[in-house]
Amino acid sequence: YRQLAPWNLRDLATLAGALLDASGVRPINAAASAHPSERTIRFYVTRQLVTPPEGRGTAATYSYRHLLQVLAIKLRQMEGITLET
């Protein structure tokens, strides 16, 4: 997927959700969604869990590194680990 980057926010969220679905990992916590929303990714950036994108606003682009960061966070959440842990 590295060669497919960069993505806009919508495409990053869609790709991350598709990869998480394909992983076969199911959340042990019903509150943990397997699909990161655009808003969720922006929240991760605000909390400094994901590095800021290149550019701002609708011109912001996300790299392969961002994809890996989002996947790591979501997989940990699906395993029951909270963001505070």
PDB file of N, CA and C in Angstrom:
ATOM      1  N   TYR A   1       0.806  -1.203   0.000  1.00  0.00           N
ATOM      2  CA  TYR A   1       0.000   0.000   0.000  1.00  0.00           C
ATOM      3  C   TYR A   1       0.850   1.268   0.000  1.00  0.00           C
ATOM      4  N   ARG A   2       2.129   1.100   0.293  1.00  0.00           N
ATOM      5  CA  ARG A   2       3.025   2.258   0.320  1.00  0.00           C
ATOM      6  C   ARG A   2       3.002   2.989  -1.025  1.00  0.00           C
ATOM      7  N   GLN A   3       2.940   2.235  -2.127  1.00  0.00           N
ATOM      8  CA  GLN A   3       2.975   2.849  -3.451  1.00  0.00           C
ATOM      9  C   GLN A   3       1.686   3.602  -3.780  1.00  0.00           C
ATOM     10  N   LEU A   4       0.616   3.312  -3.076  1.00  0.00           N
ATOM     11  CA  LEU A   4      -0.666   3.961  -3.342  1.00  0.00           C
ATOM     12  C   LEU A   4      -0.805   5.311  -2.651  1.00  0.00           C
ATOM     13  N   ALA A   5       0.041   5.578  -1.672  1.00  0.00           N
ATOM     14  CA  ALA A   5      -0.018   6.836  -0.922  1.00  0.00           C
ATOM     15  C   ALA A   5       0.464   7.977  -1.810  1.00  0.00           C
ATOM     16  N   PRO A   6       0.058   9.194  -1.569  1.00  0.00           N
ATOM     17  CA  PRO A   6      -0.713   9.675  -0.419  1.00  0.00           C
ATOM     18  C   PRO A   6      -2.218   9.576  -0.660  1.00  0.00           C
ATOM     19  N   TRP A   7      -2.948   9.686   0.455  1.00  0.00           N
ATOM     20  CA  TRP A   7      -4.402   9.654   0.431  1.00  0.00           C
ATOM     21  C   TRP A   7      -4.957  10.916   1.062  1.00  0.00           C
ATOM     22  N   ASN A   8      -6.207  11.243   0.692  1.00  0.00           N
ATOM     23  CA  ASN A   8      -6.910  12.275   1.447  1.00  0.00           C
ATOM     24  C   ASN A   8      -7.539  11.594   2.661  1.00  0.00           C
ATOM     25  N   LEU A   9      -8.141  12.360   3.527  1.00  0.00           N
ATOM     26  CA  LEU A   9      -8.664  11.819   4.780  1.00  0.00           C
ATOM     27  C   LEU A   9      -9.734  10.759   4.542  1.00  0.00           C
ATOM     28  N   ARG A  10     -10.631  11.011   3.624  1.00  0.00           N
ATOM     29  CA  ARG A  10     -11.710  10.053   3.344  1.00  0.00           C
ATOM     30  C   ARG A  10     -11.144   8.726   2.847  1.00  0.00           C
ATOM     31  N   ASP A  11     -10.190   8.804   1.932  1.00  0.00           N
ATOM     32  CA  ASP A  11      -9.598   7.577   1.390  1.00  0.00           C
ATOM     33  C   ASP A  11      -8.808   6.815   2.449  1.00  0.00           C
ATOM     34  N   LEU A  12      -8.115   7.543   3.325  1.00  0.00           N
ATOM     35  CA  LEU A  12      -7.379   6.886   4.409  1.00  0.00           C
ATOM     36  C   LEU A  12      -8.335   6.129   5.321  1.00  0.00           C
ATOM     37  N   ALA A  13      -9.434   6.770   5.708  1.00  0.00           N
ATOM     38  CA  ALA A  13     -10.409   6.126   6.586  1.00  0.00           C
ATOM     39  C   ALA A  13     -11.020   4.893   5.913  1.00  0.00           C
ATOM     40  N   THR A  14     -11.340   5.002   4.638  1.00  0.00           N
ATOM     41  CA  THR A  14     -11.928   3.884   3.894  1.00  0.00           C
ATOM     42  C   THR A  14     -10.950   2.717   3.781  1.00  0.00           C
ATOM     43  N   LEU A  15      -9.705   3.013   3.433  1.00  0.00           N
ATOM     44  CA  LEU A  15      -8.697   1.966   3.286  1.00  0.00           C
ATOM     45  C   LEU A  15      -8.422   1.282   4.620  1.00  0.00           C
ATOM     46  N   ALA A  16      -8.275   2.061   5.677  1.00  0.00           N
ATOM     47  CA  ALA A  16      -8.020   1.474   6.999  1.00  0.00           C
ATOM     48  C   ALA A  16      -9.174   0.559   7.402  1.00  0.00           C
ATOM     49  N   GLY A  17     -10.407   0.990   7.180  1.00  0.00           N
ATOM     50  CA  GLY A  17     -11.561   0.162   7.508  1.00  0.00           C
ATOM     51  C   GLY A  17     -11.582  -1.135   6.719  1.00  0.00           C
ATOM     52  N   ALA A  18     -11.259  -1.055   5.431  1.00  0.00           N
ATOM     53  CA  ALA A  18     -11.237  -2.256   4.587  1.00  0.00           C
ATOM     54  C   ALA A  18     -10.151  -3.230   5.043  1.00  0.00           C
ATOM     55  N   LEU A  19      -8.985  -2.710   5.383  1.00  0.00           N
ATOM     56  CA  LEU A  19      -7.898  -3.579   5.845  1.00  0.00           C
ATOM     57  C   LEU A  19      -8.232  -4.221   7.188  1.00  0.00           C
ATOM     58  N   LEU A  20      -8.873  -3.469   8.060  1.00  0.00           N
ATOM     59  CA  LEU A  20      -9.263  -4.030   9.356  1.00  0.00           C
ATOM     60  C   LEU A  20     -10.326  -5.111   9.179  1.00  0.00           C
ATOM     61  N   ASP A  21     -11.263  -4.897   8.262  1.00  0.00           N
ATOM     62  CA  ASP A  21     -12.264  -5.932   7.967  1.00  0.00           C
ATOM     63  C   ASP A  21     -11.587  -7.193   7.444  1.00  0.00           C
ATOM     64  N   ALA A  22     -10.637  -7.015   6.545  1.00  0.00           N
ATOM     65  CA  ALA A  22      -9.944  -8.153   5.939  1.00  0.00           C
ATOM     66  C   ALA A  22      -9.061  -8.898   6.937  1.00  0.00           C
ATOM     67  N   SER A  23      -8.677  -8.228   8.015  1.00  0.00           N
ATOM     68  CA  SER A  23      -7.789  -8.865   9.001  1.00  0.00           C
ATOM     69  C   SER A  23      -8.486  -9.992   9.753  1.00  0.00           C
ATOM     70  N   GLY A  24      -9.803  -9.936   9.813  1.00  0.00           N
ATOM     71  CA  GLY A  24     -10.544 -10.956  10.542  1.00  0.00           C
ATOM     72  C   GLY A  24     -10.590 -10.733  12.041  1.00  0.00           C
ATOM     73  N   VAL A  25      -9.921  -9.699  12.528  1.00  0.00           N
ATOM     74  CA  VAL A  25      -9.937  -9.387  13.960  1.00  0.00           C
ATOM     75  C   VAL A  25     -11.270  -8.726  14.283  1.00  0.00           C
ATOM     76  N   ARG A  26     -11.926  -9.221  15.297  1.00  0.00           N
ATOM     77  CA  ARG A  26     -13.209  -8.653  15.721  1.00  0.00           C
ATOM     78  C   ARG A  26     -13.040  -7.982  17.076  1.00  0.00           C
ATOM     79  N   PRO A  27     -13.683  -6.839  17.269  1.00  0.00           N
ATOM     80  CA  PRO A  27     -13.554  -6.142  18.552  1.00  0.00           C
ATOM     81  C   PRO A  27     -14.101  -6.981  19.703  1.00  0.00           C
ATOM     82  N   ILE A  28     -13.367  -7.034  20.816  1.00  0.00           N
ATOM     83  CA  ILE A  28     -13.897  -7.711  21.997  1.00  0.00           C
ATOM     84  C   ILE A  28     -14.810  -6.767  22.761  1.00  0.00           C
ATOM     85  N   ASN A  29     -14.689  -5.492  22.474  1.00  0.00           N
ATOM     86  CA  ASN A  29     -15.521  -4.474  23.097  1.00  0.00           C
ATOM     87  C   ASN A  29     -16.503  -3.983  22.039  1.00  0.00           C
ATOM     88  N   ALA A  30     -17.774  -4.111  22.312  1.00  0.00           N
ATOM     89  CA  ALA A  30     -18.792  -3.719  21.336  1.00  0.00           C
ATOM     90  C   ALA A  30     -18.712  -2.237  20.987  1.00  0.00           C
ATOM     91  N   ALA A  31     -18.150  -1.418  21.876  1.00  0.00           N
ATOM     92  CA  ALA A  31     -18.047   0.016  21.627  1.00  0.00           C
ATOM     93  C   ALA A  31     -16.905   0.357  20.672  1.00  0.00           C
ATOM     94  N   ALA A  32     -16.008  -0.580  20.429  1.00  0.00           N
ATOM     95  CA  ALA A  32     -14.858  -0.329  19.557  1.00  0.00           C
ATOM     96  C   ALA A  32     -15.236  -0.605  18.112  1.00  0.00           C
ATOM     97  N   SER A  33     -15.326   0.430  17.331  1.00  0.00           N
ATOM     98  CA  SER A  33     -15.661   0.279  15.920  1.00  0.00           C
ATOM     99  C   SER A  33     -14.420  -0.115  15.135  1.00  0.00           C
ATOM    100  N   ALA A  34     -14.597  -1.029  14.198  1.00  0.00           N
ATOM    101  CA  ALA A  34     -13.476  -1.453  13.361  1.00  0.00           C
ATOM    102  C   ALA A  34     -13.174  -0.423  12.278  1.00  0.00           C
ATOM    103  N   HIS A  35     -14.117   0.459  12.020  1.00  0.00           N
ATOM    104  CA  HIS A  35     -13.946   1.451  10.959  1.00  0.00           C
ATOM    105  C   HIS A  35     -13.635   2.821  11.546  1.00  0.00           C
ATOM    106  N   PRO A  36     -12.431   3.322  11.307  1.00  0.00           N
ATOM    107  CA  PRO A  36     -12.133   4.673  11.779  1.00  0.00           C
ATOM    108  C   PRO A  36     -12.844   5.692  10.889  1.00  0.00           C
ATOM    109  N   SER A  37     -13.499   6.634  11.498  1.00  0.00           N
ATOM    110  CA  SER A  37     -14.148   7.689  10.725  1.00  0.00           C
ATOM    111  C   SER A  37     -13.145   8.810  10.466  1.00  0.00           C
ATOM    112  N   GLU A  38     -13.506   9.716   9.576  1.00  0.00           N
ATOM    113  CA  GLU A  38     -12.657  10.878   9.325  1.00  0.00           C
ATOM    114  C   GLU A  38     -12.492  11.682  10.613  1.00  0.00           C
ATOM    115  N   ARG A  39     -13.572  11.835  11.326  1.00  0.00           N
ATOM    116  CA  ARG A  39     -13.525  12.582  12.583  1.00  0.00           C
ATOM    117  C   ARG A  39     -12.598  11.899  13.596  1.00  0.00           C
ATOM    118  N   THR A  40     -12.650  10.578  13.654  1.00  0.00           N
ATOM    119  CA  THR A  40     -11.792   9.824  14.574  1.00  0.00           C
ATOM    120  C   THR A  40     -10.321  10.047  14.245  1.00  0.00           C
ATOM    121  N   ILE A  41      -9.982  10.021  12.966  1.00  0.00           N
ATOM    122  CA  ILE A  41      -8.585  10.231  12.572  1.00  0.00           C
ATOM    123  C   ILE A  41      -8.145  11.648  12.926  1.00  0.00           C
ATOM    124  N   ARG A  42      -9.005  12.633  12.705  1.00  0.00           N
ATOM    125  CA  ARG A  42      -8.660  14.008  13.111  1.00  0.00           C
ATOM    126  C   ARG A  42      -8.446  14.082  14.618  1.00  0.00           C
ATOM    127  N   PHE A  43      -9.256  13.360  15.387  1.00  0.00           N
ATOM    128  CA  PHE A  43      -9.097  13.302  16.843  1.00  0.00           C
ATOM    129  C   PHE A  43      -7.737  12.705  17.206  1.00  0.00           C
ATOM    130  N   TYR A  44      -7.352  11.632  16.532  1.00  0.00           N
ATOM    131  CA  TYR A  44      -6.044  11.010  16.790  1.00  0.00           C
ATOM    132  C   TYR A  44      -4.909  11.999  16.524  1.00  0.00           C
ATOM    133  N   VAL A  45      -5.046  12.800  15.473  1.00  0.00           N
ATOM    134  CA  VAL A  45      -4.023  13.809  15.169  1.00  0.00           C
ATOM    135  C   VAL A  45      -3.987  14.852  16.280  1.00  0.00           C
ATOM    136  N   THR A  46      -5.163  15.303  16.723  1.00  0.00           N
ATOM    137  CA  THR A  46      -5.235  16.289  17.801  1.00  0.00           C
ATOM    138  C   THR A  46      -4.605  15.763  19.080  1.00  0.00           C
ATOM    139  N   ARG A  47      -4.830  14.494  19.377  1.00  0.00           N
ATOM    140  CA  ARG A  47      -4.261  13.870  20.586  1.00  0.00           C
ATOM    141  C   ARG A  47      -2.806  13.450  20.399  1.00  0.00           C
ATOM    142  N   GLN A  48      -2.257  13.711  19.225  1.00  0.00           N
ATOM    143  CA  GLN A  48      -0.873  13.377  18.872  1.00  0.00           C
ATOM    144  C   GLN A  48      -0.616  11.868  18.882  1.00  0.00           C
ATOM    145  N   LEU A  49      -1.647  11.098  18.580  1.00  0.00           N
ATOM    146  CA  LEU A  49      -1.506   9.656  18.415  1.00  0.00           C
ATOM    147  C   LEU A  49      -1.096   9.326  16.982  1.00  0.00           C
ATOM    148  N   VAL A  50      -1.440  10.222  16.075  1.00  0.00           N
ATOM    149  CA  VAL A  50      -1.084  10.116  14.661  1.00  0.00           C
ATOM    150  C   VAL A  50      -0.382  11.412  14.283  1.00  0.00           C
ATOM    151  N   THR A  51       0.700  11.301  13.519  1.00  0.00           N
ATOM    152  CA  THR A  51       1.423  12.504  13.116  1.00  0.00           C
ATOM    153  C   THR A  51       0.546  13.363  12.205  1.00  0.00           C
ATOM    154  N   PRO A  52       0.722  14.685  12.247  1.00  0.00           N
ATOM    155  CA  PRO A  52      -0.095  15.565  11.405  1.00  0.00           C
ATOM    156  C   PRO A  52       0.119  15.278   9.919  1.00  0.00           C
ATOM    157  N   PRO A  53      -0.925  15.496   9.120  1.00  0.00           N
ATOM    158  CA  PRO A  53      -0.797  15.270   7.680  1.00  0.00           C
ATOM    159  C   PRO A  53       0.038  16.368   7.027  1.00  0.00           C
ATOM    160  N   GLU A  54       0.417  16.120   5.786  1.00  0.00           N
ATOM    161  CA  GLU A  54       1.046  17.162   4.976  1.00  0.00           C
ATOM    162  C   GLU A  54      -0.065  18.063   4.462  1.00  0.00           C
ATOM    163  N   GLY A  55       0.083  19.346   4.604  1.00  0.00           N
ATOM    164  CA  GLY A  55      -0.940  20.282   4.155  1.00  0.00           C
ATOM    165  C   GLY A  55      -2.025  20.457   5.204  1.00  0.00           C
ATOM    166  N   ARG A  56      -2.990  21.304   4.871  1.00  0.00           N
ATOM    167  CA  ARG A  56      -4.070  21.604   5.812  1.00  0.00           C
ATOM    168  C   ARG A  56      -5.416  21.557   5.106  1.00  0.00           C
ATOM    169  N   GLY A  57      -6.441  21.385   5.909  1.00  0.00           N
ATOM    170  CA  GLY A  57      -7.800  21.397   5.378  1.00  0.00           C
ATOM    171  C   GLY A  57      -8.023  20.313   4.340  1.00  0.00           C
ATOM    172  N   THR A  58      -8.718  20.683   3.269  1.00  0.00           N
ATOM    173  CA  THR A  58      -9.031  19.694   2.238  1.00  0.00           C
ATOM    174  C   THR A  58      -7.808  19.309   1.412  1.00  0.00           C
ATOM    175  N   ALA A  59      -6.722  20.077   1.537  1.00  0.00           N
ATOM    176  CA  ALA A  59      -5.486  19.756   0.817  1.00  0.00           C
ATOM    177  C   ALA A  59      -4.584  18.816   1.613  1.00  0.00           C
ATOM    178  N   ALA A  60      -4.994  18.433   2.814  1.00  0.00           N
ATOM    179  CA  ALA A  60      -4.174  17.557   3.658  1.00  0.00           C
ATOM    180  C   ALA A  60      -4.041  16.182   3.017  1.00  0.00           C
ATOM    181  N   THR A  61      -2.832  15.636   3.069  1.00  0.00           N
ATOM    182  CA  THR A  61      -2.596  14.295   2.547  1.00  0.00           C
ATOM    183  C   THR A  61      -1.938  13.435   3.619  1.00  0.00           C
ATOM    184  N   TYR A  62      -2.239  12.149   3.547  1.00  0.00           N
ATOM    185  CA  TYR A  62      -1.782  11.180   4.537  1.00  0.00           C
ATOM    186  C   TYR A  62      -0.936  10.123   3.848  1.00  0.00           C
ATOM    187  N   SER A  63       0.130   9.722   4.514  1.00  0.00           N
ATOM    188  CA  SER A  63       1.093   8.785   3.941  1.00  0.00           C
ATOM    189  C   SER A  63       0.865   7.364   4.461  1.00  0.00           C
ATOM    190  N   TYR A  64       1.716   6.478   3.995  1.00  0.00           N
ATOM    191  CA  TYR A  64       1.717   5.090   4.463  1.00  0.00           C
ATOM    192  C   TYR A  64       1.933   5.039   5.978  1.00  0.00           C
ATOM    193  N   ARG A  65       2.776   5.913   6.494  1.00  0.00           N
ATOM    194  CA  ARG A  65       3.011   5.973   7.945  1.00  0.00           C
ATOM    195  C   ARG A  65       1.713   6.252   8.698  1.00  0.00           C
ATOM    196  N   HIS A  66       0.909   7.166   8.187  1.00  0.00           N
ATOM    197  CA  HIS A  66      -0.372   7.471   8.821  1.00  0.00           C
ATOM    198  C   HIS A  66      -1.278   6.238   8.822  1.00  0.00           C
ATOM    199  N   LEU A  67      -1.293   5.522   7.705  1.00  0.00           N
ATOM    200  CA  LEU A  67      -2.103   4.305   7.619  1.00  0.00           C
ATOM    201  C   LEU A  67      -1.681   3.314   8.697  1.00  0.00           C
ATOM    202  N   LEU A  68      -0.384   3.094   8.839  1.00  0.00           N
ATOM    203  CA  LEU A  68       0.105   2.160   9.859  1.00  0.00           C
ATOM    204  C   LEU A  68      -0.252   2.628  11.267  1.00  0.00           C
ATOM    205  N   GLN A  69      -0.168   3.923  11.512  1.00  0.00           N
ATOM    206  CA  GLN A  69      -0.509   4.452  12.833  1.00  0.00           C
ATOM    207  C   GLN A  69      -1.986   4.215  13.147  1.00  0.00           C
ATOM    208  N   VAL A  70      -2.853   4.502  12.191  1.00  0.00           N
ATOM    209  CA  VAL A  70      -4.291   4.305  12.399  1.00  0.00           C
ATOM    210  C   VAL A  70      -4.594   2.819  12.612  1.00  0.00           C
ATOM    211  N   LEU A  71      -3.993   1.952  11.809  1.00  0.00           N
ATOM    212  CA  LEU A  71      -4.223   0.514  11.967  1.00  0.00           C
ATOM    213  C   LEU A  71      -3.766   0.030  13.337  1.00  0.00           C
ATOM    214  N   ALA A  72      -2.622   0.490  13.790  1.00  0.00           N
ATOM    215  CA  ALA A  72      -2.112   0.071  15.105  1.00  0.00           C
ATOM    216  C   ALA A  72      -3.056   0.498  16.219  1.00  0.00           C
ATOM    217  N   ILE A  73      -3.551   1.723  16.150  1.00  0.00           N
ATOM    218  CA  ILE A  73      -4.476   2.218  17.179  1.00  0.00           C
ATOM    219  C   ILE A  73      -5.759   1.398  17.176  1.00  0.00           C
ATOM    220  N   LYS A  74      -6.339   1.213  15.987  1.00  0.00           N
ATOM    221  CA  LYS A  74      -7.613   0.495  15.906  1.00  0.00           C
ATOM    222  C   LYS A  74      -7.472  -0.964  16.339  1.00  0.00           C
ATOM    223  N   LEU A  75      -6.378  -1.615  15.967  1.00  0.00           N
ATOM    224  CA  LEU A  75      -6.181  -3.007  16.388  1.00  0.00           C
ATOM    225  C   LEU A  75      -6.067  -3.106  17.903  1.00  0.00           C
ATOM    226  N   ARG A  76      -5.362  -2.181  18.507  1.00  0.00           N
ATOM    227  CA  ARG A  76      -5.240  -2.186  19.975  1.00  0.00           C
ATOM    228  C   ARG A  76      -6.604  -1.947  20.622  1.00  0.00           C
ATOM    229  N   GLN A  77      -7.381  -1.029  20.071  1.00  0.00           N
ATOM    230  CA  GLN A  77      -8.722  -0.781  20.610  1.00  0.00           C
ATOM    231  C   GLN A  77      -9.589  -2.026  20.464  1.00  0.00           C
ATOM    232  N   MET A  78      -9.481  -2.702  19.346  1.00  0.00           N
ATOM    233  CA  MET A  78     -10.280  -3.901  19.123  1.00  0.00           C
ATOM    234  C   MET A  78      -9.892  -5.015  20.087  1.00  0.00           C
ATOM    235  N   GLU A  79      -8.653  -4.956  20.604  1.00  0.00           N
ATOM    236  CA  GLU A  79      -8.195  -5.922  21.606  1.00  0.00           C
ATOM    237  C   GLU A  79      -8.603  -5.514  23.015  1.00  0.00           C
ATOM    238  N   GLY A  80      -9.258  -4.367  23.140  1.00  0.00           N
ATOM    239  CA  GLY A  80      -9.742  -3.927  24.442  1.00  0.00           C
ATOM    240  C   GLY A  80      -8.863  -2.919  25.149  1.00  0.00           C
ATOM    241  N   ILE A  81      -7.806  -2.462  24.497  1.00  0.00           N
ATOM    242  CA  ILE A  81      -6.903  -1.488  25.107  1.00  0.00           C
ATOM    243  C   ILE A  81      -7.440  -0.090  24.835  1.00  0.00           C
ATOM    244  N   THR A  82      -7.471   0.748  25.859  1.00  0.00           N
ATOM    245  CA  THR A  82      -7.987   2.109  25.709  1.00  0.00           C
ATOM    246  C   THR A  82      -6.877   3.047  25.246  1.00  0.00           C
ATOM    247  N   LEU A  83      -7.262   4.218  24.789  1.00  0.00           N
ATOM    248  CA  LEU A  83      -6.287   5.209  24.344  1.00  0.00           C
ATOM    249  C   LEU A  83      -5.430   5.711  25.497  1.00  0.00           C
ATOM    250  N   GLU A  84      -5.949   5.670  26.699  1.00  0.00           N
ATOM    251  CA  GLU A  84      -5.210   6.146  27.863  1.00  0.00           C
ATOM    252  C   GLU A  84      -4.140   5.166  28.310  1.00  0.00           C
ATOM    253  N   THR A  85      -4.250   3.908  27.889  1.00  0.00           N
ATOM    254  CA  THR A  85      -3.305   2.880  28.335  1.00  0.00           C
ATOM    255  C   THR A  85      -1.949   3.072  27.702  1.00  0.00           C
TER     256      THR A  85
END
